[in-house]
Amino acid sequence: MKFLPILILLLISYSSESEVSIFQHGATEMETEPIVHSMNWLRKKIAEERNIANMNELKWDHHLEQIAESLKCGDMENGPDYMVSIAPNEKLINQIFKIPLKKQDKAILKVLGGLAAPGQTGFACAEFFEKCSRKDGVEIDGICLSGPK
């Protein structure tokens, strides 16, 4: 799956260059449609590469959006019916490109977490407004939740 980091970077580039952000507060279906389409395209590629049969299409979930908006940097734990993922950003992808190619696949799937997990049907993302970073210093712009867990 050597192409996965490039796919993620394309997804991030697309969302940062368009007027639509992965962080849509109270977004309409029309606003979230490009994000959902991109995420489902990525999930399809992961499913094809890994021969995963039950990789459902995701829909923007307003309930998960409300939960994500209520979480803070220190709250990045899975909930009873959702999985937490770091919202991918360009800095994080650049750090992943620095690790050996053979380990990039695992690193990307770890970052995507539930967003790349089969069986999920909904997702939403929310931006952190206070500074947040991982132990290795990578800044986290926000989180995405996917569910059901």
Protein backbone atom coordinates (compact mmCIF):
# COMPACT_ATOMS: atom_id res chain seq x y z
CA MET A 1 0.00 0.00 0.00
CA LYS A 2 2.78 2.35 -0.92
CA PHE A 3 0.32 4.81 -2.42
CA LEU A 4 -1.65 5.41 0.80
CA PRO A 5 0.42 8.37 2.09
CA ILE A 6 0.02 10.03 -1.29
CA LEU A 7 -3.75 9.44 -1.22
CA ILE A 8 -3.99 10.99 2.22
CA LEU A 9 -1.94 13.98 1.13
CA LEU A 10 -4.22 14.43 -1.88
CA LEU A 11 -7.26 14.33 0.40
CA ILE A 12 -5.74 16.95 2.69
CA SER A 13 -4.68 19.11 -0.24
CA TYR A 14 -8.15 18.92 -1.73
CA SER A 15 -9.88 19.95 1.47
CA SER A 16 -7.42 22.77 2.22
CA GLU A 17 -7.64 24.24 -1.29
CA SER A 18 -11.41 24.07 -1.53
CA GLU A 19 -13.83 26.27 0.34
CA VAL A 20 -14.94 23.19 2.24
CA SER A 21 -12.97 22.23 5.33
CA ILE A 22 -12.90 18.91 7.13
CA PHE A 23 -13.94 21.05 10.13
CA GLN A 24 -17.51 22.01 9.27
CA HIS A 25 -19.49 23.28 12.27
CA GLY A 26 -23.18 22.71 11.64
CA ALA A 27 -22.43 21.94 8.02
CA THR A 28 -25.11 21.24 5.49
CA GLU A 29 -25.09 18.10 3.37
CA MET A 30 -24.00 20.17 0.39
CA GLU A 31 -21.00 21.48 2.37
CA THR A 32 -19.93 18.07 3.67
CA GLU A 33 -20.53 16.16 0.44
CA PRO A 34 -16.99 16.72 -0.98
CA ILE A 35 -15.42 15.62 2.32
CA VAL A 36 -17.60 12.53 2.54
CA HIS A 37 -16.92 11.70 -1.11
CA SER A 38 -13.14 12.00 -0.59
CA MET A 39 -13.20 9.91 2.58
CA ASN A 40 -15.26 7.19 0.88
CA TRP A 41 -12.90 7.19 -2.09
CA LEU A 42 -9.98 6.71 0.30
CA ARG A 43 -11.81 3.94 2.19
CA LYS A 44 -12.53 2.21 -1.12
CA LYS A 45 -8.83 2.28 -2.01
CA ILE A 46 -7.90 0.87 1.41
CA ALA A 47 -10.54 -1.87 1.05
CA GLU A 48 -9.29 -2.80 -2.42
CA GLU A 49 -5.66 -2.89 -1.32
CA ARG A 50 -6.38 -4.93 1.80
CA ASN A 51 -9.21 -7.09 0.39
CA ILE A 52 -11.75 -5.84 2.93
CA ALA A 53 -15.31 -6.80 1.99
CA ASN A 54 -17.34 -4.85 4.55
CA MET A 55 -15.89 -1.33 4.15
CA ASN A 56 -19.16 0.61 4.35
CA GLU A 57 -19.60 4.04 2.85
CA LEU A 58 -19.53 6.79 5.45
CA LYS A 59 -22.06 9.58 5.89
CA TRP A 60 -21.52 12.84 7.80
CA ASP A 61 -23.02 12.24 11.24
CA HIS A 62 -24.30 15.36 13.03
CA HIS A 63 -24.53 13.52 16.36
CA LEU A 64 -20.83 12.59 16.13
CA GLU A 65 -20.12 16.18 15.11
CA GLN A 66 -21.68 17.43 18.35
CA ILE A 67 -19.62 14.97 20.39
CA ALA A 68 -16.41 15.87 18.53
CA GLU A 69 -17.01 19.59 19.12
CA SER A 70 -17.35 18.95 22.86
CA LEU A 71 -14.02 17.09 23.16
CA LYS A 72 -10.73 18.70 24.14
CA CYS A 73 -7.16 17.73 23.36
CA GLY A 74 -6.90 15.45 26.40
CA ASP A 75 -10.17 13.67 25.59
CA MET A 76 -8.87 11.62 22.70
CA GLU A 77 -10.29 8.31 23.92
CA ASN A 78 -12.77 6.09 22.13
CA GLY A 79 -16.33 6.38 23.41
CA PRO A 80 -19.02 3.75 23.86
CA ASP A 81 -20.23 4.04 20.26
CA TYR A 82 -17.45 5.86 18.39
CA MET A 83 -13.75 5.72 17.62
CA VAL A 84 -11.45 8.74 17.81
CA SER A 85 -8.94 9.60 15.09
CA ILE A 86 -6.56 12.49 14.63
CA ALA A 87 -7.80 14.74 11.85
CA PRO A 88 -5.07 14.33 9.24
CA ASN A 89 -3.12 17.48 8.41
CA GLU A 90 -0.17 18.31 6.20
CA LYS A 91 2.37 18.43 9.07
CA LEU A 92 1.39 14.97 10.23
CA ILE A 93 1.66 13.55 6.72
CA ASN A 94 5.07 15.20 6.26
CA GLN A 95 6.25 13.48 9.44
CA ILE A 96 4.95 10.16 8.13
CA PHE A 97 6.88 10.67 4.87
CA LYS A 98 10.06 10.87 6.98
CA ILE A 99 9.72 7.31 8.25
CA PRO A 100 10.81 4.33 6.13
CA LEU A 101 8.41 3.50 3.32
CA LYS A 102 7.71 0.02 4.70
CA LYS A 103 6.35 1.56 7.94
CA GLN A 104 4.31 4.36 6.33
CA ASP A 105 1.30 2.14 5.66
CA LYS A 106 0.97 1.19 9.33
CA ALA A 107 1.51 4.79 10.47
CA ILE A 108 -1.22 6.12 8.17
CA LEU A 109 -3.71 3.47 9.25
CA LYS A 110 -2.90 4.24 12.89
CA VAL A 111 -3.56 7.96 12.31
CA LEU A 112 -6.80 7.27 10.43
CA GLY A 113 -7.96 4.87 13.13
CA GLY A 114 -11.71 4.36 12.88
CA LEU A 115 -11.90 6.31 9.64
CA ALA A 116 -10.21 3.33 7.98
CA ALA A 117 -12.06 0.67 9.99
CA PRO A 118 -14.60 -1.57 8.26
CA GLY A 119 -18.13 -1.51 9.61
CA GLN A 120 -18.23 2.22 10.34
CA THR A 121 -21.15 4.10 8.80
CA GLY A 122 -20.78 7.69 10.01
CA PHE A 123 -18.10 10.24 10.80
CA ALA A 124 -17.58 13.87 11.66
CA CYS A 125 -14.63 16.08 12.52
CA ALA A 126 -14.10 19.05 14.79
CA GLU A 127 -11.32 21.58 15.12
CA PHE A 128 -9.34 22.19 18.30
CA PHE A 129 -9.20 25.89 19.05
CA GLU A 130 -6.51 25.57 21.73
CA LYS A 131 -3.03 24.31 20.92
CA CYS A 132 -2.82 20.53 20.94
CA SER A 133 0.08 18.27 20.10
CA ARG A 134 1.13 14.65 20.38
CA LYS A 135 4.00 13.51 22.58
CA ASP A 136 6.29 13.60 19.54
CA GLY A 137 5.48 17.27 18.96
CA VAL A 138 3.18 16.89 15.95
CA GLU A 139 0.43 19.49 16.14
CA ILE A 140 -3.13 18.22 16.07
CA ASP A 141 -5.64 20.52 14.41
CA GLY A 142 -8.66 18.49 15.42
CA ILE A 143 -10.25 15.11 15.72
CA CYS A 144 -12.59 12.93 13.75
CA LEU A 145 -15.04 10.47 15.22
CA SER A 146 -16.42 7.46 13.40
CA GLY A 147 -19.08 5.05 14.47
CA PRO A 148 -20.68 2.90 15.37
CA LYS A 149 -17.69 1.46 17.17
